[in-house]
């Protein structure tokens, strides 16, 4: 059994599925036709912001490591100086 001709008829002016032939923003009445472009604009600086946050986190870790290293070296220097003075007496 075949479908009646009216069921097979396809209206060429009707918008097709998103991404299909004839699915340009001008041809489609779909409200979200412009969304991908606006999403790209909203996410355009996201990589830059993520990188800036990562750089700040690494900088804070570096500052902490430097302070720890500086404290350790100064402490070792003071103990060494004290030992050398004690041996020299």
Foldseek 3Di string as FASTA:
>chain_A
DDDPPVVVDDDPLAADDVPDPQNAPVSDPDPCNCVVVVVCVVCVCVVVVVVVVVVVVVVVVVVVVVVVVVVVVVVVVVVVVVVVVVVVD
